[in-house]
Amino acid sequence: METYILLGIVGILSFILGILACPIVIFLRARNDDAWDDSNMTNIIRLVAHIATHPSDFGLMKYDDGTYPFWYINKDEFRGVVKTRPKGK
């Protein structure tokens, strides 16, 4: 019985640590990019919140040359991206 309680506590603490580590990892990776505005760490929290609340916006983003970085978002995963959807009967 104590083992299950301990495993539950470890699981909850691991989940919390993962949530806290996610913005830190993004910040550590983004600070090496010249295009990233690294004026404060809240930019990372705003980015994660925007991804969570408006995922469709990422399908509308495009580079200066007109290509889309997230071209696969609005496509069927099998038919439009990896082209492996089985044929219908």
N, C-alpha and C. Protein backbone atom coordinates (compact mmCIF):
# COMPACT_ATOMS: atom_id res chain seq x y z
N MET A 1 0.83 -1.20 0.00
CA MET A 1 0.00 0.00 0.00
C MET A 1 0.88 1.26 0.00
N GLU A 2 1.93 1.26 0.81
CA GLU A 2 2.81 2.43 0.87
C GLU A 2 3.53 2.63 -0.45
N THR A 3 3.78 1.53 -1.18
CA THR A 3 4.47 1.62 -2.46
C THR A 3 3.62 2.38 -3.47
N TYR A 4 2.32 2.12 -3.49
CA TYR A 4 1.44 2.81 -4.42
C TYR A 4 1.33 4.29 -4.10
N ILE A 5 1.32 4.61 -2.84
CA ILE A 5 1.26 6.02 -2.42
C ILE A 5 2.55 6.72 -2.84
N LEU A 6 3.68 6.07 -2.62
CA LEU A 6 4.97 6.64 -3.00
C LEU A 6 5.05 6.82 -4.51
N LEU A 7 4.59 5.83 -5.27
CA LEU A 7 4.61 5.95 -6.72
C LEU A 7 3.68 7.07 -7.20
N GLY A 8 2.56 7.24 -6.54
CA GLY A 8 1.65 8.33 -6.88
C GLY A 8 2.28 9.69 -6.64
N ILE A 9 2.96 9.82 -5.50
CA ILE A 9 3.63 11.08 -5.17
C ILE A 9 4.74 11.36 -6.16
N VAL A 10 5.52 10.35 -6.50
CA VAL A 10 6.61 10.52 -7.47
C VAL A 10 6.04 10.90 -8.83
N GLY A 11 4.93 10.30 -9.23
CA GLY A 11 4.30 10.63 -10.50
C GLY A 11 3.82 12.06 -10.55
N ILE A 12 3.18 12.51 -9.48
CA ILE A 12 2.69 13.88 -9.43
C ILE A 12 3.84 14.88 -9.44
N LEU A 13 4.88 14.59 -8.67
CA LEU A 13 6.04 15.49 -8.65
C LEU A 13 6.76 15.51 -9.99
N SER A 14 6.82 14.38 -10.67
CA SER A 14 7.43 14.34 -12.00
C SER A 14 6.64 15.16 -13.01
N PHE A 15 5.32 15.08 -12.91
CA PHE A 15 4.46 15.88 -13.79
C PHE A 15 4.68 17.37 -13.56
N ILE A 16 4.72 17.78 -12.31
CA ILE A 16 4.94 19.20 -11.98
C ILE A 16 6.32 19.65 -12.45
N LEU A 17 7.33 18.81 -12.25
CA LEU A 17 8.68 19.15 -12.70
C LEU A 17 8.72 19.29 -14.23
N GLY A 18 8.01 18.43 -14.94
CA GLY A 18 7.95 18.54 -16.40
C GLY A 18 7.30 19.83 -16.86
N ILE A 19 6.22 20.23 -16.18
CA ILE A 19 5.55 21.48 -16.53
C ILE A 19 6.47 22.68 -16.28
N LEU A 20 7.21 22.64 -15.20
CA LEU A 20 8.12 23.73 -14.90
C LEU A 20 9.34 23.73 -15.81
N ALA A 21 9.80 22.56 -16.21
CA ALA A 21 11.01 22.46 -17.03
C ALA A 21 10.76 22.82 -18.49
N CYS A 22 9.54 22.67 -18.97
CA CYS A 22 9.24 22.95 -20.38
C CYS A 22 9.60 24.39 -20.78
N PRO A 23 9.13 25.43 -20.10
CA PRO A 23 9.53 26.79 -20.48
C PRO A 23 11.02 27.04 -20.31
N ILE A 24 11.63 26.40 -19.34
CA ILE A 24 13.07 26.60 -19.14
C ILE A 24 13.86 26.02 -20.31
N VAL A 25 13.47 24.84 -20.75
CA VAL A 25 14.16 24.23 -21.89
C VAL A 25 13.95 25.06 -23.15
N ILE A 26 12.74 25.56 -23.38
CA ILE A 26 12.49 26.42 -24.54
C ILE A 26 13.33 27.68 -24.45
N PHE A 27 13.42 28.27 -23.28
CA PHE A 27 14.22 29.48 -23.09
C PHE A 27 15.69 29.21 -23.37
N LEU A 28 16.22 28.10 -22.87
CA LEU A 28 17.63 27.80 -23.07
C LEU A 28 17.95 27.56 -24.54
N ARG A 29 17.02 26.96 -25.28
CA ARG A 29 17.23 26.75 -26.71
C ARG A 29 17.04 28.04 -27.50
N ALA A 30 16.06 28.84 -27.13
CA ALA A 30 15.73 30.04 -27.91
C ALA A 30 16.73 31.16 -27.69
N ARG A 31 17.39 31.19 -26.57
CA ARG A 31 18.31 32.32 -26.32
C ARG A 31 19.52 32.29 -27.24
N ASN A 32 19.80 31.15 -27.86
CA ASN A 32 20.92 31.06 -28.80
C ASN A 32 20.53 31.49 -30.21
N ASP A 33 19.24 31.73 -30.45
CA ASP A 33 18.77 32.14 -31.76
C ASP A 33 18.77 33.66 -31.84
N ASP A 34 19.36 34.21 -32.91
CA ASP A 34 19.44 35.66 -33.05
C ASP A 34 18.07 36.30 -33.29
N ALA A 35 17.13 35.55 -33.86
CA ALA A 35 15.80 36.11 -34.17
C ALA A 35 14.88 36.13 -32.95
N TRP A 36 15.26 35.49 -31.87
CA TRP A 36 14.40 35.40 -30.70
C TRP A 36 14.54 36.65 -29.84
N ASP A 37 13.42 37.21 -29.42
CA ASP A 37 13.43 38.35 -28.51
C ASP A 37 13.61 37.82 -27.10
N ASP A 38 14.82 37.90 -26.59
CA ASP A 38 15.11 37.33 -25.28
C ASP A 38 15.09 38.38 -24.18
N SER A 39 14.22 39.38 -24.31
CA SER A 39 14.19 40.44 -23.32
C SER A 39 13.68 39.96 -21.97
N ASN A 40 12.82 38.97 -21.97
CA ASN A 40 12.37 38.41 -20.70
C ASN A 40 11.89 36.98 -20.91
N MET A 41 11.79 36.23 -19.83
CA MET A 41 11.42 34.83 -19.93
C MET A 41 9.92 34.64 -20.09
N THR A 42 9.13 35.66 -19.87
CA THR A 42 7.69 35.49 -20.02
C THR A 42 7.28 35.30 -21.48
N ASN A 43 8.17 35.61 -22.41
CA ASN A 43 7.86 35.35 -23.82
C ASN A 43 7.61 33.86 -24.05
N ILE A 44 8.34 33.01 -23.36
CA ILE A 44 8.18 31.57 -23.51
C ILE A 44 6.81 31.15 -22.99
N ILE A 45 6.41 31.68 -21.85
CA ILE A 45 5.10 31.35 -21.27
C ILE A 45 3.99 31.83 -22.21
N ARG A 46 4.16 33.00 -22.81
CA ARG A 46 3.18 33.50 -23.77
C ARG A 46 3.12 32.62 -25.00
N LEU A 47 4.26 32.13 -25.47
CA LEU A 47 4.29 31.25 -26.63
C LEU A 47 3.56 29.94 -26.35
N VAL A 48 3.84 29.31 -25.22
CA VAL A 48 3.18 28.05 -24.86
C VAL A 48 1.68 28.27 -24.68
N ALA A 49 1.30 29.38 -24.06
CA ALA A 49 -0.13 29.67 -23.89
C ALA A 49 -0.81 29.90 -25.24
N HIS A 50 -0.12 30.54 -26.17
CA HIS A 50 -0.71 30.78 -27.48
C HIS A 50 -0.87 29.47 -28.25
N ILE A 51 0.10 28.59 -28.15
CA ILE A 51 0.00 27.29 -28.80
C ILE A 51 -1.19 26.52 -28.24
N ALA A 52 -1.39 26.59 -26.93
CA ALA A 52 -2.47 25.85 -26.29
C ALA A 52 -3.85 26.42 -26.64
N THR A 53 -3.96 27.73 -26.78
CA THR A 53 -5.27 28.33 -26.98
C THR A 53 -5.62 28.59 -28.44
N HIS A 54 -4.62 28.75 -29.30
CA HIS A 54 -4.87 29.06 -30.72
C HIS A 54 -3.99 28.21 -31.64
N PRO A 55 -4.15 26.90 -31.63
CA PRO A 55 -3.26 26.07 -32.46
C PRO A 55 -3.47 26.29 -33.96
N SER A 56 -4.64 26.76 -34.37
CA SER A 56 -4.88 26.95 -35.80
C SER A 56 -4.07 28.12 -36.37
N ASP A 57 -3.63 29.04 -35.53
CA ASP A 57 -2.81 30.17 -36.00
C ASP A 57 -1.51 29.70 -36.62
N PHE A 58 -1.01 28.57 -36.18
CA PHE A 58 0.27 28.10 -36.69
C PHE A 58 0.16 27.59 -38.11
N GLY A 59 -1.04 27.26 -38.55
CA GLY A 59 -1.25 26.90 -39.94
C GLY A 59 -1.24 28.10 -40.87
N LEU A 60 -1.41 29.30 -40.32
CA LEU A 60 -1.43 30.52 -41.12
C LEU A 60 -0.08 31.21 -41.22
N MET A 61 0.88 30.79 -40.41
CA MET A 61 2.20 31.42 -40.43
C MET A 61 2.92 31.09 -41.73
N LYS A 62 3.69 32.06 -42.24
CA LYS A 62 4.50 31.77 -43.42
C LYS A 62 5.76 32.61 -43.40
N TYR A 63 6.78 32.09 -44.10
CA TYR A 63 8.07 32.79 -44.20
C TYR A 63 7.98 33.90 -45.24
N ASP A 64 9.01 34.73 -45.30
CA ASP A 64 9.04 35.83 -46.27
C ASP A 64 8.98 35.33 -47.71
N ASP A 65 9.51 34.15 -47.97
CA ASP A 65 9.50 33.62 -49.34
C ASP A 65 8.17 32.96 -49.71
N GLY A 66 7.21 32.95 -48.81
CA GLY A 66 5.88 32.42 -49.09
C GLY A 66 5.66 30.97 -48.67
N THR A 67 6.68 30.29 -48.20
CA THR A 67 6.51 28.91 -47.77
C THR A 67 5.97 28.88 -46.34
N TYR A 68 5.29 27.78 -46.02
CA TYR A 68 4.66 27.63 -44.71
C TYR A 68 5.48 26.67 -43.86
N PRO A 69 5.90 27.07 -42.64
CA PRO A 69 6.67 26.16 -41.79
C PRO A 69 5.83 25.02 -41.23
N PHE A 70 4.55 25.23 -41.08
CA PHE A 70 3.66 24.21 -40.52
C PHE A 70 2.64 23.79 -41.58
N TRP A 71 3.10 23.47 -42.78
CA TRP A 71 2.24 23.14 -43.90
C TRP A 71 1.42 21.88 -43.66
N TYR A 72 1.83 21.05 -42.75
CA TYR A 72 1.19 19.76 -42.52
C TYR A 72 0.03 19.83 -41.53
N ILE A 73 -0.21 20.95 -40.90
CA ILE A 73 -1.21 21.03 -39.83
C ILE A 73 -2.63 20.80 -40.37
N ASN A 74 -2.97 21.38 -41.50
CA ASN A 74 -4.35 21.27 -41.98
C ASN A 74 -4.53 20.13 -42.98
N LYS A 75 -3.60 19.21 -43.05
CA LYS A 75 -3.69 18.10 -43.98
C LYS A 75 -4.01 16.80 -43.25
N ASP A 76 -4.53 15.85 -43.99
CA ASP A 76 -4.73 14.51 -43.47
C ASP A 76 -3.36 13.89 -43.23
N GLU A 77 -3.15 13.37 -42.04
CA GLU A 77 -1.81 12.88 -41.68
C GLU A 77 -1.29 11.82 -42.64
N PHE A 78 -2.15 10.92 -43.09
CA PHE A 78 -1.69 9.84 -43.94
C PHE A 78 -1.73 10.21 -45.42
N ARG A 79 -2.79 10.87 -45.86
CA ARG A 79 -2.94 11.16 -47.28
C ARG A 79 -2.06 12.33 -47.71
N GLY A 80 -2.04 13.41 -46.93
CA GLY A 80 -1.36 14.62 -47.37
C GLY A 80 0.08 14.76 -46.93
N VAL A 81 0.49 14.05 -45.90
CA VAL A 81 1.84 14.26 -45.37
C VAL A 81 2.75 13.10 -45.73
N VAL A 82 2.47 11.91 -45.24
CA VAL A 82 3.34 10.77 -45.51
C VAL A 82 2.88 9.95 -46.71
N LYS A 83 1.69 10.26 -47.24
CA LYS A 83 1.15 9.61 -48.44
C LYS A 83 1.13 8.10 -48.33
N THR A 84 0.61 7.58 -47.22
CA THR A 84 0.55 6.15 -47.02
C THR A 84 -0.85 5.66 -46.66
N ARG A 85 -1.88 6.48 -46.91
CA ARG A 85 -3.23 6.05 -46.57
C ARG A 85 -3.62 4.89 -47.48
N PRO A 86 -4.13 3.80 -46.89
CA PRO A 86 -4.51 2.66 -47.72
C PRO A 86 -5.70 3.02 -48.61
N LYS A 87 -5.77 2.39 -49.74
CA LYS A 87 -6.86 2.59 -50.68
C LYS A 87 -8.15 1.98 -50.13
N GLY A 88 -9.27 2.66 -50.38
CA GLY A 88 -10.56 2.15 -49.92
C GLY A 88 -11.00 0.94 -50.74
N LYS A 89 -11.89 0.14 -50.15
CA LYS A 89 -12.36 -1.07 -50.85
C LYS A 89 -13.40 -0.73 -51.88
